[in-house]
Structure formats: C-alpha cells, structure tokens
Amino acid sequence: MSTASTAARLLLGTAMVGAGVLHLTTQREEFRAQVPSWFPLDEDFTVVASGMVEIGLGAAFIALPQRRRLVGGLLAAFFVAIFPGNVAQYVEGVDAFGLDSDRARFVRLFFQPVLVLWALWGGGWLSRRRD
C-alpha cells in the first residue's frame, strides 16, 4: 500500500468513527431529519443502527489493515446503500446539516461517489498491483 492510500484509509476510518459517534450523540436530530419519509424503519432506530455500522466499519478500517480490501468494499457498499437517503433529502427538500437549499442538497449528491472511490482506494481496490 502506498503512503497516500494508507493515509486515505486512516482518515476515512477516523471520519467514519466520528460520524458514527455523532449519530449517537449531539447530531442525532440532524441525522434523523435525513431519514427518508418512505423508509420503513423508525427514524431513531435507523440513525442509531447506521451510527453503529459507521463506528464498526471505521474502526475496522483503521485497526485491521490486513482486511482493508474487505472493509473498503463494505464501506463503499454502505455509501451506495445510503445514497437513496441523500436523494430523498434533495427531492423532499429536507434541511439538515446546513443543507438548506435545493442547490446545496443537489451539490451534496456528487460527494457520495467521491466517498465510494475513497473507500475503494483506501481499501486497495484501485491499485494496479495486488498486495
């Protein structure tokens, strides 16, 4: 693994743990606002469960470098799985995390593919050689 992809893995892992903790603490209401109205599970359950997944995946990305490909792939899949929620936030016009305009919510949609690529890169999926 290159130094850059290792740094990307550690940074993304740390960010995921931090986001997961925020799901469970001070930003819980903001995250609840992002759960789509059509989602069949309770908003609070969804926020707590997704926060726990983020903490687990983030911690694994940091602590288990020998499993970086697996965890990076799981993180990428997680980002894909939650993308409909981001689309719903745009379509439903829900304000959360300072995204208080259609333009801001629309621009945010383009960051999800960046997170997917970041997870894949940090996991070693985008390197030319296999480790």
Protein backbone atom coordinates (compact mmCIF):
# COMPACT_ATOMS: atom_id res chain seq x y z
CA MET A 1 0.00 0.00 0.00
CA SER A 2 1.21 3.46 -0.78
CA THR A 3 1.59 6.07 1.93
CA ALA A 4 -1.20 8.09 0.32
CA SER A 5 -3.70 5.23 0.26
CA THR A 6 -2.79 4.30 3.84
CA ALA A 7 -3.37 7.91 4.88
CA ALA A 8 -6.69 7.88 2.97
CA ARG A 9 -7.72 4.69 4.80
CA LEU A 10 -6.83 6.10 8.21
CA LEU A 11 -8.50 9.45 7.53
CA LEU A 12 -11.71 7.88 6.23
CA GLY A 13 -11.76 5.39 9.11
CA THR A 14 -11.39 8.21 11.62
CA ALA A 15 -14.08 10.27 9.89
CA MET A 16 -16.46 7.31 9.94
CA VAL A 17 -15.93 6.69 13.66
CA GLY A 18 -16.50 10.39 14.31
CA ALA A 19 -19.66 10.47 12.21
CA GLY A 20 -20.93 7.35 13.91
CA VAL A 21 -20.41 8.88 17.35
CA LEU A 22 -22.29 12.00 16.20
CA HIS A 23 -25.18 9.75 15.10
CA LEU A 24 -25.47 8.59 18.69
CA THR A 25 -24.89 11.92 20.45
CA THR A 26 -25.04 15.62 19.57
CA GLN A 27 -26.15 15.38 15.92
CA ARG A 28 -28.81 12.72 16.34
CA GLU A 29 -31.70 15.04 15.40
CA GLU A 30 -29.87 16.24 12.27
CA PHE A 31 -29.35 12.65 11.18
CA ARG A 32 -32.99 11.79 11.94
CA ALA A 33 -34.03 14.57 9.55
CA GLN A 34 -32.12 12.80 6.79
CA VAL A 35 -34.01 9.51 7.08
CA PRO A 36 -36.37 9.43 4.09
CA SER A 37 -40.08 9.64 4.83
CA TRP A 38 -40.64 6.41 2.88
CA PHE A 39 -38.05 4.38 4.80
CA PRO A 40 -39.90 1.57 6.60
CA LEU A 41 -37.92 1.60 9.85
CA ASP A 42 -38.18 4.02 12.79
CA GLU A 43 -36.04 7.14 12.27
CA ASP A 44 -34.24 6.85 15.59
CA PHE A 45 -33.54 3.14 15.12
CA THR A 46 -32.17 3.89 11.63
CA VAL A 47 -29.88 6.63 12.95
CA VAL A 48 -28.59 4.53 15.84
CA ALA A 49 -28.06 1.44 13.67
CA SER A 50 -26.29 3.37 10.91
CA GLY A 51 -24.14 5.11 13.51
CA MET A 52 -23.09 1.77 14.95
CA VAL A 53 -22.28 0.48 11.46
CA GLU A 54 -20.19 3.58 10.78
CA ILE A 55 -18.27 3.17 14.04
CA GLY A 56 -17.66 -0.52 13.34
CA LEU A 57 -16.55 -0.06 9.74
CA GLY A 58 -14.45 2.99 10.56
CA ALA A 59 -12.71 1.25 13.45
CA ALA A 60 -12.09 -1.85 11.32
CA PHE A 61 -10.66 0.28 8.50
CA ILE A 62 -8.16 1.72 10.99
CA ALA A 63 -7.38 -1.32 13.12
CA LEU A 64 -7.40 -4.12 10.55
CA PRO A 65 -5.10 -3.11 7.69
CA GLN A 66 -4.80 -6.76 6.66
CA ARG A 67 -8.58 -6.65 5.96
CA ARG A 68 -8.53 -3.28 4.21
CA ARG A 69 -9.90 -4.67 0.94
CA LEU A 70 -12.87 -6.30 2.65
CA VAL A 71 -13.61 -3.27 4.84
CA GLY A 72 -13.06 -0.82 1.97
CA GLY A 73 -15.52 -2.80 -0.15
CA LEU A 74 -18.04 -2.86 2.70
CA LEU A 75 -17.65 0.89 3.21
CA ALA A 76 -18.16 1.52 -0.50
CA ALA A 77 -21.30 -0.65 -0.41
CA PHE A 78 -22.51 1.24 2.68
CA PHE A 79 -22.10 4.56 0.87
CA VAL A 80 -24.08 3.20 -2.08
CA ALA A 81 -26.78 1.85 0.26
CA ILE A 82 -27.34 5.21 1.98
CA PHE A 83 -27.31 7.22 -1.26
CA PRO A 84 -31.11 6.95 -1.72
CA GLY A 85 -31.41 8.83 1.57
CA ASN A 86 -29.32 11.66 0.12
CA VAL A 87 -31.51 11.71 -2.98
CA ALA A 88 -34.62 11.76 -0.78
CA GLN A 89 -33.23 14.70 1.18
CA TYR A 90 -32.89 16.59 -2.11
CA VAL A 91 -36.25 15.54 -3.54
CA GLU A 92 -38.15 16.14 -0.29
CA GLY A 93 -36.36 19.44 0.39
CA VAL A 94 -35.27 18.47 3.90
CA ASP A 95 -32.95 20.89 5.68
CA ALA A 96 -30.19 19.24 7.72
CA PHE A 97 -26.51 19.92 8.35
CA GLY A 98 -26.70 23.35 6.77
CA LEU A 99 -28.07 21.97 3.52
CA ASP A 100 -30.88 24.49 3.42
CA SER A 101 -31.35 24.98 -0.30
CA ASP A 102 -32.08 22.75 -3.26
CA ARG A 103 -28.75 23.75 -4.75
CA ALA A 104 -26.79 22.73 -1.63
CA ARG A 105 -28.64 19.42 -1.38
CA PHE A 106 -28.07 18.78 -5.09
CA VAL A 107 -24.33 19.53 -4.92
CA ARG A 108 -24.03 17.13 -1.98
CA LEU A 109 -25.19 14.28 -4.19
CA PHE A 110 -21.92 14.49 -6.11
CA PHE A 111 -19.87 13.84 -2.98
CA GLN A 112 -21.25 10.33 -2.43
CA PRO A 113 -19.37 8.86 -5.43
CA VAL A 114 -16.23 10.52 -4.04
CA LEU A 115 -16.74 8.65 -0.77
CA VAL A 116 -17.23 5.38 -2.65
CA LEU A 117 -13.97 5.91 -4.57
CA TRP A 118 -12.19 6.98 -1.37
CA ALA A 119 -13.24 3.75 0.37
CA LEU A 120 -12.16 1.66 -2.61
CA TRP A 121 -8.82 3.48 -2.90
CA GLY A 122 -8.11 3.23 0.84
CA GLY A 123 -9.04 -0.43 0.66
CA GLY A 124 -6.60 -1.11 -2.14
CA TRP A 125 -9.23 -1.82 -4.80
CA LEU A 126 -7.93 0.83 -7.18
CA SER A 127 -4.22 -0.01 -7.08
CA ARG A 128 -2.60 -1.53 -10.12
CA ARG A 129 -0.92 -4.27 -8.15
CA ARG A 130 -2.42 -6.73 -5.69
CA ASP A 131 -0.95 -6.68 -2.20
